[in-house]
Amino acid sequence: MNSVILKGRIVNDIELKTTQNGIELVSFRVAVKRKFKDKDGNYQSDFINVIAFKGTAKFLNSYGEKGRMILLQGSLQSKQYEDSQGKKITAYEVIANEIDILDRKNDNLGRFEIDDDFKEPTPEAKQWYKDLKDNHNNSTPPPDVYTDTNELEYDPFTEK
């Protein structure tokens, strides 16, 4: 199985290109923060090359831009080539199958924020999530899962 999941920020501007065969694509880099700190107490990032084709490329061309937080699923691909001095080089890139934008544009200054416009689950939904966690309940969730409040006091996906 060859599956990669990355969460990070787009590093460069997105530019839609078309191959000689008429296939649309975008090539970009994603900065992915490591989970551990270096000896100086700072988080380091890896910069991953990504390619997206067809509909995914069109989606990114429309909504993706430098600085946006994305979640992507794809597969790892390697390429081998010779540089100008004849040295063999192996390069790796992720071929994106699915991409979700995780933040929203906050202002006209190009800053982004994580979308935190959640609603509080109803008491029925809270009980359903609790039963799901405790008893491996596979029943259908209640019809009115969220109330109209703007703060999420209970996160059903967090272990307590």
N, C-alpha and C. Protein backbone atom coordinates (compact mmCIF):
# COMPACT_ATOMS: atom_id res chain seq x y z
N MET A 1 0.85 -1.17 0.00
CA MET A 1 0.00 0.00 0.00
C MET A 1 0.89 1.24 0.00
N ASN A 2 0.55 2.21 -0.79
CA ASN A 2 1.30 3.46 -0.89
C ASN A 2 0.32 4.59 -0.62
N SER A 3 0.28 5.05 0.61
CA SER A 3 -0.66 6.10 1.00
C SER A 3 0.05 7.12 1.88
N VAL A 4 -0.14 8.40 1.56
CA VAL A 4 0.47 9.49 2.30
C VAL A 4 -0.63 10.46 2.71
N ILE A 5 -0.58 10.90 3.96
CA ILE A 5 -1.50 11.94 4.45
C ILE A 5 -0.63 13.05 5.03
N LEU A 6 -0.84 14.26 4.56
CA LEU A 6 -0.06 15.41 5.01
C LEU A 6 -0.98 16.55 5.41
N LYS A 7 -0.60 17.24 6.48
CA LYS A 7 -1.28 18.47 6.88
C LYS A 7 -0.21 19.54 6.96
N GLY A 8 -0.40 20.62 6.22
CA GLY A 8 0.59 21.68 6.22
C GLY A 8 0.11 22.88 5.43
N ARG A 9 1.02 23.83 5.28
CA ARG A 9 0.70 25.07 4.57
C ARG A 9 1.34 25.08 3.19
N ILE A 10 0.59 25.61 2.21
CA ILE A 10 1.10 25.76 0.85
C ILE A 10 2.20 26.81 0.88
N VAL A 11 3.34 26.48 0.29
CA VAL A 11 4.52 27.35 0.36
C VAL A 11 4.59 28.33 -0.81
N ASN A 12 4.12 27.94 -1.97
CA ASN A 12 4.26 28.79 -3.15
C ASN A 12 2.91 29.09 -3.79
N ASP A 13 2.89 30.06 -4.69
CA ASP A 13 1.66 30.39 -5.42
C ASP A 13 1.29 29.23 -6.32
N ILE A 14 0.00 29.01 -6.46
CA ILE A 14 -0.53 27.93 -7.29
C ILE A 14 -0.68 28.43 -8.72
N GLU A 15 -0.16 27.65 -9.67
CA GLU A 15 -0.28 28.00 -11.08
C GLU A 15 -0.74 26.78 -11.86
N LEU A 16 -1.90 26.87 -12.47
CA LEU A 16 -2.45 25.76 -13.26
C LEU A 16 -1.70 25.66 -14.58
N LYS A 17 -1.23 24.45 -14.90
CA LYS A 17 -0.53 24.19 -16.16
C LYS A 17 -1.24 23.07 -16.89
N THR A 18 -0.97 22.94 -18.17
CA THR A 18 -1.56 21.88 -18.98
C THR A 18 -0.45 21.12 -19.69
N THR A 19 -0.50 19.79 -19.60
CA THR A 19 0.49 18.96 -20.28
C THR A 19 0.24 18.96 -21.77
N GLN A 20 1.17 18.40 -22.53
CA GLN A 20 1.00 18.29 -23.98
C GLN A 20 -0.20 17.42 -24.33
N ASN A 21 -0.59 16.54 -23.43
CA ASN A 21 -1.75 15.68 -23.65
C ASN A 21 -3.05 16.33 -23.20
N GLY A 22 -3.00 17.58 -22.74
CA GLY A 22 -4.20 18.30 -22.34
C GLY A 22 -4.64 18.05 -20.90
N ILE A 23 -3.78 17.47 -20.07
CA ILE A 23 -4.13 17.20 -18.68
C ILE A 23 -3.69 18.38 -17.82
N GLU A 24 -4.62 18.91 -17.03
CA GLU A 24 -4.31 20.04 -16.16
C GLU A 24 -3.63 19.55 -14.89
N LEU A 25 -2.65 20.33 -14.41
CA LEU A 25 -1.93 19.97 -13.20
C LEU A 25 -1.42 21.22 -12.49
N VAL A 26 -1.17 21.06 -11.20
CA VAL A 26 -0.47 22.07 -10.41
C VAL A 26 0.65 21.36 -9.65
N SER A 27 1.76 22.05 -9.51
CA SER A 27 2.90 21.54 -8.77
C SER A 27 3.21 22.58 -7.70
N PHE A 28 3.31 22.13 -6.44
CA PHE A 28 3.53 23.06 -5.34
C PHE A 28 4.25 22.35 -4.21
N ARG A 29 4.60 23.09 -3.17
CA ARG A 29 5.25 22.53 -1.99
C ARG A 29 4.37 22.80 -0.78
N VAL A 30 4.44 21.85 0.17
CA VAL A 30 3.71 21.98 1.43
C VAL A 30 4.72 21.91 2.57
N ALA A 31 4.63 22.88 3.48
CA ALA A 31 5.46 22.88 4.68
C ALA A 31 4.71 22.10 5.76
N VAL A 32 5.31 21.02 6.23
CA VAL A 32 4.70 20.16 7.24
C VAL A 32 5.55 20.23 8.50
N LYS A 33 4.94 20.71 9.58
CA LYS A 33 5.67 20.86 10.85
C LYS A 33 5.88 19.49 11.49
N ARG A 34 7.11 19.25 11.94
CA ARG A 34 7.41 18.01 12.65
C ARG A 34 6.81 18.04 14.05
N LYS A 35 6.59 16.88 14.62
CA LYS A 35 5.95 16.78 15.94
C LYS A 35 6.92 16.98 17.09
N PHE A 36 8.19 17.05 16.82
CA PHE A 36 9.17 17.17 17.89
C PHE A 36 10.01 18.43 17.69
N LYS A 37 10.63 18.89 18.78
CA LYS A 37 11.46 20.09 18.73
C LYS A 37 12.93 19.70 18.56
N ASP A 38 13.70 20.62 17.98
CA ASP A 38 15.12 20.40 17.84
C ASP A 38 15.83 20.73 19.15
N LYS A 39 17.16 20.66 19.17
CA LYS A 39 17.92 20.90 20.40
C LYS A 39 17.74 22.30 20.94
N ASP A 40 17.33 23.26 20.09
CA ASP A 40 17.12 24.64 20.53
C ASP A 40 15.67 24.88 20.98
N GLY A 41 14.83 23.85 20.93
CA GLY A 41 13.45 23.99 21.36
C GLY A 41 12.51 24.50 20.29
N ASN A 42 12.95 24.47 19.02
CA ASN A 42 12.11 24.95 17.92
C ASN A 42 11.60 23.79 17.09
N TYR A 43 10.39 23.95 16.53
CA TYR A 43 9.86 22.97 15.61
C TYR A 43 10.47 23.20 14.23
N GLN A 44 10.84 22.13 13.58
CA GLN A 44 11.33 22.20 12.21
C GLN A 44 10.21 21.78 11.27
N SER A 45 10.33 22.13 10.00
CA SER A 45 9.34 21.75 9.00
C SER A 45 10.02 21.01 7.86
N ASP A 46 9.28 20.10 7.25
CA ASP A 46 9.72 19.45 6.03
C ASP A 46 8.95 20.09 4.89
N PHE A 47 9.61 20.29 3.76
CA PHE A 47 8.98 20.89 2.59
C PHE A 47 8.81 19.80 1.54
N ILE A 48 7.55 19.43 1.32
CA ILE A 48 7.20 18.27 0.50
C ILE A 48 6.69 18.75 -0.87
N ASN A 49 7.26 18.19 -1.94
CA ASN A 49 6.79 18.49 -3.29
C ASN A 49 5.51 17.70 -3.56
N VAL A 50 4.52 18.39 -4.13
CA VAL A 50 3.22 17.77 -4.39
C VAL A 50 2.78 18.11 -5.82
N ILE A 51 2.14 17.16 -6.47
CA ILE A 51 1.53 17.38 -7.79
C ILE A 51 0.08 16.94 -7.70
N ALA A 52 -0.81 17.74 -8.25
CA ALA A 52 -2.23 17.39 -8.33
C ALA A 52 -2.67 17.51 -9.78
N PHE A 53 -3.53 16.61 -10.22
CA PHE A 53 -4.00 16.58 -11.60
C PHE A 53 -5.50 16.81 -11.68
N LYS A 54 -5.95 17.15 -12.86
CA LYS A 54 -7.36 17.24 -13.26
C LYS A 54 -8.20 18.04 -12.29
N GLY A 55 -9.26 17.45 -11.71
CA GLY A 55 -10.19 18.17 -10.85
C GLY A 55 -9.54 18.71 -9.59
N THR A 56 -8.61 17.94 -9.02
CA THR A 56 -7.91 18.40 -7.83
C THR A 56 -7.06 19.61 -8.16
N ALA A 57 -6.44 19.62 -9.34
CA ALA A 57 -5.65 20.77 -9.78
C ALA A 57 -6.53 22.00 -9.97
N LYS A 58 -7.70 21.81 -10.56
CA LYS A 58 -8.63 22.93 -10.76
C LYS A 58 -9.11 23.49 -9.42
N PHE A 59 -9.40 22.58 -8.47
CA PHE A 59 -9.83 23.01 -7.14
C PHE A 59 -8.75 23.87 -6.49
N LEU A 60 -7.51 23.41 -6.53
CA LEU A 60 -6.41 24.17 -5.91
C LEU A 60 -6.17 25.48 -6.63
N ASN A 61 -6.32 25.49 -7.94
CA ASN A 61 -6.14 26.73 -8.68
C ASN A 61 -7.18 27.77 -8.25
N SER A 62 -8.38 27.30 -7.92
CA SER A 62 -9.46 28.21 -7.51
C SER A 62 -9.35 28.63 -6.05
N TYR A 63 -9.00 27.69 -5.16
CA TYR A 63 -9.09 27.96 -3.72
C TYR A 63 -7.76 27.90 -2.98
N GLY A 64 -6.76 27.27 -3.55
CA GLY A 64 -5.48 27.16 -2.87
C GLY A 64 -4.61 28.36 -3.17
N GLU A 65 -3.92 28.83 -2.18
CA GLU A 65 -2.96 29.90 -2.37
C GLU A 65 -1.91 29.82 -1.28
N LYS A 66 -0.82 30.50 -1.52
CA LYS A 66 0.30 30.50 -0.58
C LYS A 66 -0.19 30.85 0.82
N GLY A 67 0.19 30.01 1.80
CA GLY A 67 -0.18 30.23 3.18
C GLY A 67 -1.39 29.45 3.66
N ARG A 68 -2.19 28.90 2.76
CA ARG A 68 -3.38 28.15 3.17
C ARG A 68 -2.99 26.83 3.82
N MET A 69 -3.73 26.46 4.88
CA MET A 69 -3.54 25.18 5.56
C MET A 69 -4.37 24.14 4.83
N ILE A 70 -3.74 23.03 4.43
CA ILE A 70 -4.44 21.98 3.71
C ILE A 70 -4.19 20.63 4.36
N LEU A 71 -5.09 19.71 4.06
CA LEU A 71 -4.94 18.31 4.40
C LEU A 71 -5.02 17.56 3.09
N LEU A 72 -4.03 16.74 2.80
CA LEU A 72 -4.06 16.02 1.53
C LEU A 72 -3.79 14.55 1.72
N GLN A 73 -4.36 13.76 0.84
CA GLN A 73 -4.13 12.32 0.79
C GLN A 73 -3.65 12.01 -0.61
N GLY A 74 -2.61 11.19 -0.68
CA GLY A 74 -2.08 10.84 -1.98
C GLY A 74 -1.14 9.66 -1.88
N SER A 75 -0.25 9.56 -2.85
CA SER A 75 0.74 8.48 -2.86
C SER A 75 2.12 9.04 -3.15
N LEU A 76 3.14 8.36 -2.66
CA LEU A 76 4.51 8.80 -2.84
C LEU A 76 5.06 8.23 -4.14
N GLN A 77 5.75 9.07 -4.89
CA GLN A 77 6.33 8.66 -6.17
C GLN A 77 7.78 9.12 -6.20
N SER A 78 8.66 8.30 -6.73
CA SER A 78 10.07 8.69 -6.86
C SER A 78 10.42 8.82 -8.33
N LYS A 79 11.38 9.72 -8.60
CA LYS A 79 11.90 9.93 -9.96
C LYS A 79 13.41 9.89 -9.88
N GLN A 80 14.02 9.32 -10.87
CA GLN A 80 15.48 9.33 -10.95
C GLN A 80 15.89 10.05 -12.22
N TYR A 81 16.91 10.90 -12.08
CA TYR A 81 17.43 11.62 -13.24
C TYR A 81 18.89 11.97 -12.98
N GLU A 82 19.57 12.46 -14.02
CA GLU A 82 20.95 12.89 -13.88
C GLU A 82 20.99 14.41 -13.93
N ASP A 83 21.79 14.99 -13.01
CA ASP A 83 21.93 16.45 -13.03
C ASP A 83 22.95 16.86 -14.09
N SER A 84 23.25 18.13 -14.18
CA SER A 84 24.13 18.65 -15.23
C SER A 84 25.56 18.11 -15.12
N GLN A 85 25.97 17.64 -13.93
CA GLN A 85 27.31 17.05 -13.76
C GLN A 85 27.30 15.54 -13.94
N GLY A 86 26.17 14.96 -14.29
CA GLY A 86 26.08 13.52 -14.51
C GLY A 86 25.80 12.72 -13.25
N LYS A 87 25.55 13.40 -12.14
CA LYS A 87 25.26 12.71 -10.88
C LYS A 87 23.81 12.23 -10.87
N LYS A 88 23.59 10.98 -10.45
CA LYS A 88 22.23 10.44 -10.38
C LYS A 88 21.51 11.01 -9.15
N ILE A 89 20.33 11.52 -9.38
CA ILE A 89 19.52 12.14 -8.33
C ILE A 89 18.21 11.38 -8.23
N THR A 90 17.76 11.14 -6.99
CA THR A 90 16.43 10.58 -6.75
C THR A 90 15.61 11.64 -6.06
N ALA A 91 14.47 11.96 -6.64
CA ALA A 91 13.57 12.96 -6.07
C ALA A 91 12.24 12.29 -5.73
N TYR A 92 11.62 12.77 -4.67
CA TYR A 92 10.34 12.23 -4.23
C TYR A 92 9.28 13.32 -4.28
N GLU A 93 8.07 12.92 -4.62
CA GLU A 93 6.94 13.85 -4.62
C GLU A 93 5.68 13.07 -4.29
N VAL A 94 4.70 13.79 -3.79
CA VAL A 94 3.41 13.20 -3.47
C VAL A 94 2.44 13.53 -4.59
N ILE A 95 1.78 12.52 -5.10
CA ILE A 95 0.71 12.72 -6.08
C ILE A 95 -0.59 12.80 -5.28
N ALA A 96 -1.20 13.98 -5.25
CA ALA A 96 -2.38 14.22 -4.42
C ALA A 96 -3.63 13.65 -5.08
N ASN A 97 -4.38 12.90 -4.31
CA ASN A 97 -5.67 12.38 -4.78
C ASN A 97 -6.82 13.23 -4.25
N GLU A 98 -6.71 13.65 -2.98
CA GLU A 98 -7.75 14.46 -2.34
C GLU A 98 -7.08 15.57 -1.55
N ILE A 99 -7.68 16.76 -1.60
CA ILE A 99 -7.17 17.89 -0.84
C ILE A 99 -8.34 18.64 -0.21
N ASP A 100 -8.20 18.95 1.08
CA ASP A 100 -9.18 19.78 1.79
C ASP A 100 -8.47 21.02 2.29
N ILE A 101 -9.13 22.17 2.17
CA ILE A 101 -8.61 23.42 2.71
C ILE A 101 -9.12 23.50 4.16
N LEU A 102 -8.22 23.71 5.12
CA LEU A 102 -8.58 23.65 6.53
C LEU A 102 -8.77 25.01 7.18
N ASP A 103 -8.47 26.08 6.48
CA ASP A 103 -8.63 27.41 7.07
C ASP A 103 -9.46 28.28 6.14
N ARG A 104 -9.74 29.47 6.61
CA ARG A 104 -10.49 30.40 5.78
C ARG A 104 -9.75 31.73 5.78
N LYS A 105 -9.97 32.50 4.74
CA LYS A 105 -9.32 33.78 4.65
C LYS A 105 -9.95 34.71 5.68
N ASN A 106 -9.12 35.35 6.48
CA ASN A 106 -9.59 36.17 7.59
C ASN A 106 -9.76 37.63 7.21
N ASP A 107 -8.89 38.16 6.36
CA ASP A 107 -8.93 39.57 6.02
C ASP A 107 -8.29 39.80 4.66
N ASN A 108 -8.20 41.03 4.26
CA ASN A 108 -7.62 41.37 2.97
C ASN A 108 -6.10 41.46 3.00
N LEU A 109 -5.49 41.14 4.12
CA LEU A 109 -4.04 41.20 4.24
C LEU A 109 -3.39 39.86 3.94
N GLY A 110 -4.18 38.88 3.52
CA GLY A 110 -3.64 37.58 3.17
C GLY A 110 -3.44 36.66 4.34
N ARG A 111 -3.96 37.02 5.52
CA ARG A 111 -3.81 36.15 6.68
C ARG A 111 -4.96 35.15 6.71
N PHE A 112 -4.68 33.99 7.31
CA PHE A 112 -5.68 32.93 7.37
C PHE A 112 -5.86 32.50 8.81
N GLU A 113 -7.01 31.95 9.12
CA GLU A 113 -7.26 31.38 10.43
C GLU A 113 -7.95 30.04 10.26
N ILE A 114 -7.75 29.16 11.21
CA ILE A 114 -8.43 27.87 11.19
C ILE A 114 -9.92 28.13 11.39
N ASP A 115 -10.74 27.46 10.62
CA ASP A 115 -12.18 27.66 10.69
C ASP A 115 -12.71 27.07 11.99
N ASP A 116 -13.09 27.94 12.92
CA ASP A 116 -13.59 27.47 14.22
C ASP A 116 -15.06 27.81 14.41
N ASP A 117 -15.79 27.89 13.34
CA ASP A 117 -17.20 28.24 13.40
C ASP A 117 -18.03 26.97 13.63
N PHE A 118 -17.79 26.31 14.76
CA PHE A 118 -18.49 25.08 15.10
C PHE A 118 -19.75 25.39 15.88
N LYS A 119 -20.61 24.42 15.96
CA LYS A 119 -21.81 24.53 16.77
C LYS A 119 -21.79 23.45 17.84
N GLU A 120 -22.40 23.76 18.97
CA GLU A 120 -22.46 22.83 20.10
C GLU A 120 -23.38 21.65 19.75
N PRO A 121 -22.92 20.40 19.97
CA PRO A 121 -23.80 19.25 19.73
C PRO A 121 -24.98 19.26 20.70
N THR A 122 -26.10 18.74 20.24
CA THR A 122 -27.28 18.62 21.09
C THR A 122 -27.02 17.58 22.18
N PRO A 123 -27.81 17.58 23.27
CA PRO A 123 -27.65 16.54 24.30
C PRO A 123 -27.79 15.13 23.73
N GLU A 124 -28.70 14.96 22.76
CA GLU A 124 -28.88 13.64 22.14
C GLU A 124 -27.62 13.22 21.40
N ALA A 125 -26.99 14.18 20.71
CA ALA A 125 -25.77 13.87 19.96
C ALA A 125 -24.63 13.53 20.92
N LYS A 126 -24.54 14.26 22.03
CA LYS A 126 -23.50 13.97 23.02
C LYS A 126 -23.66 12.55 23.56
N GLN A 127 -24.90 12.16 23.86
CA GLN A 127 -25.14 10.81 24.37
C GLN A 127 -24.81 9.78 23.30
N TRP A 128 -25.18 10.06 22.06
CA TRP A 128 -24.88 9.13 20.97
C TRP A 128 -23.38 8.95 20.82
N TYR A 129 -22.59 10.05 20.86
CA TYR A 129 -21.14 9.95 20.75
C TYR A 129 -20.54 9.17 21.93
N LYS A 130 -21.08 9.42 23.14
CA LYS A 130 -20.60 8.70 24.32
C LYS A 130 -20.88 7.21 24.17
N ASP A 131 -22.11 6.86 23.74
CA ASP A 131 -22.44 5.45 23.53
C ASP A 131 -21.56 4.83 22.45
N LEU A 132 -21.27 5.61 21.43
CA LEU A 132 -20.44 5.13 20.34
C LEU A 132 -19.05 4.77 20.87
N LYS A 133 -18.49 5.66 21.68
CA LYS A 133 -17.15 5.43 22.24
C LYS A 133 -17.16 4.28 23.24
N ASP A 134 -18.14 4.25 24.15
CA ASP A 134 -18.16 3.26 25.22
C ASP A 134 -18.59 1.88 24.76
N ASN A 135 -19.53 1.81 23.87
CA ASN A 135 -20.14 0.52 23.51
C ASN A 135 -19.94 0.13 22.05
N HIS A 136 -19.16 0.90 21.33
CA HIS A 136 -18.99 0.65 19.90
C HIS A 136 -20.34 0.63 19.19
N ASN A 137 -21.16 1.58 19.56
CA ASN A 137 -22.49 1.72 18.99
C ASN A 137 -22.39 2.10 17.52
N ASN A 138 -23.05 1.39 16.64
CA ASN A 138 -23.02 1.69 15.21
C ASN A 138 -24.35 2.25 14.72
N SER A 139 -25.17 2.76 15.61
CA SER A 139 -26.47 3.26 15.20
C SER A 139 -26.34 4.59 14.46
N THR A 140 -27.42 5.00 13.84
CA THR A 140 -27.47 6.27 13.11
C THR A 140 -27.47 7.43 14.09
N PRO A 141 -26.70 8.51 13.81
CA PRO A 141 -26.71 9.65 14.73
C PRO A 141 -28.06 10.32 14.76
N PRO A 142 -28.35 11.05 15.84
CA PRO A 142 -29.63 11.75 15.92
C PRO A 142 -29.77 12.76 14.80
N PRO A 143 -31.02 13.06 14.38
CA PRO A 143 -31.21 13.93 13.22
C PRO A 143 -30.71 15.36 13.42
N ASP A 144 -30.91 15.95 14.59
CA ASP A 144 -30.50 17.32 14.83
C ASP A 144 -29.23 17.29 15.68
N VAL A 145 -28.07 17.15 15.02
CA VAL A 145 -26.83 16.92 15.73
C VAL A 145 -26.31 18.17 16.40
N TYR A 146 -26.54 19.34 15.84
CA TYR A 146 -25.95 20.56 16.38
C TYR A 146 -27.00 21.59 16.77
N THR A 147 -26.70 22.33 17.84
CA THR A 147 -27.55 23.44 18.25
C THR A 147 -26.99 24.72 17.63
N ASP A 148 -27.55 25.85 17.98
CA ASP A 148 -27.15 27.10 17.35
C ASP A 148 -26.06 27.86 18.08
N THR A 149 -25.48 27.32 19.15
CA THR A 149 -24.43 28.06 19.84
C THR A 149 -23.17 28.07 18.99
N ASN A 150 -22.28 29.01 19.26
CA ASN A 150 -21.09 29.16 18.43
C ASN A 150 -19.84 28.58 19.08
N GLU A 151 -19.93 28.07 20.31
CA GLU A 151 -18.77 27.49 20.98
C GLU A 151 -18.95 25.99 21.12
N LEU A 152 -17.89 25.28 20.89
CA LEU A 152 -17.91 23.82 21.01
C LEU A 152 -17.38 23.46 22.39
N GLU A 153 -18.28 23.09 23.31
CA GLU A 153 -17.87 22.72 24.66
C GLU A 153 -17.48 21.25 24.74
N TYR A 154 -17.98 20.44 23.83
CA TYR A 154 -17.72 19.01 23.85
C TYR A 154 -17.19 18.59 22.49
N ASP A 155 -16.00 18.06 22.45
CA ASP A 155 -15.43 17.56 21.20
C ASP A 155 -15.58 16.06 21.16
N PRO A 156 -16.46 15.54 20.32
CA PRO A 156 -16.73 14.10 20.31
C PRO A 156 -15.55 13.27 19.84
N PHE A 157 -14.53 13.90 19.27
CA PHE A 157 -13.41 13.14 18.74
C PHE A 157 -12.20 13.17 19.68
N THR A 158 -12.35 13.74 20.85
CA THR A 158 -11.26 13.82 21.82
C THR A 158 -11.52 12.83 22.95
N GLU A 159 -10.52 12.04 23.27
CA GLU A 159 -10.63 11.11 24.39
C GLU A 159 -10.69 11.89 25.70
N LYS A 160 -11.54 11.47 26.60
CA LYS A 160 -11.63 12.14 27.91
C LYS A 160 -11.32 11.14 28.99
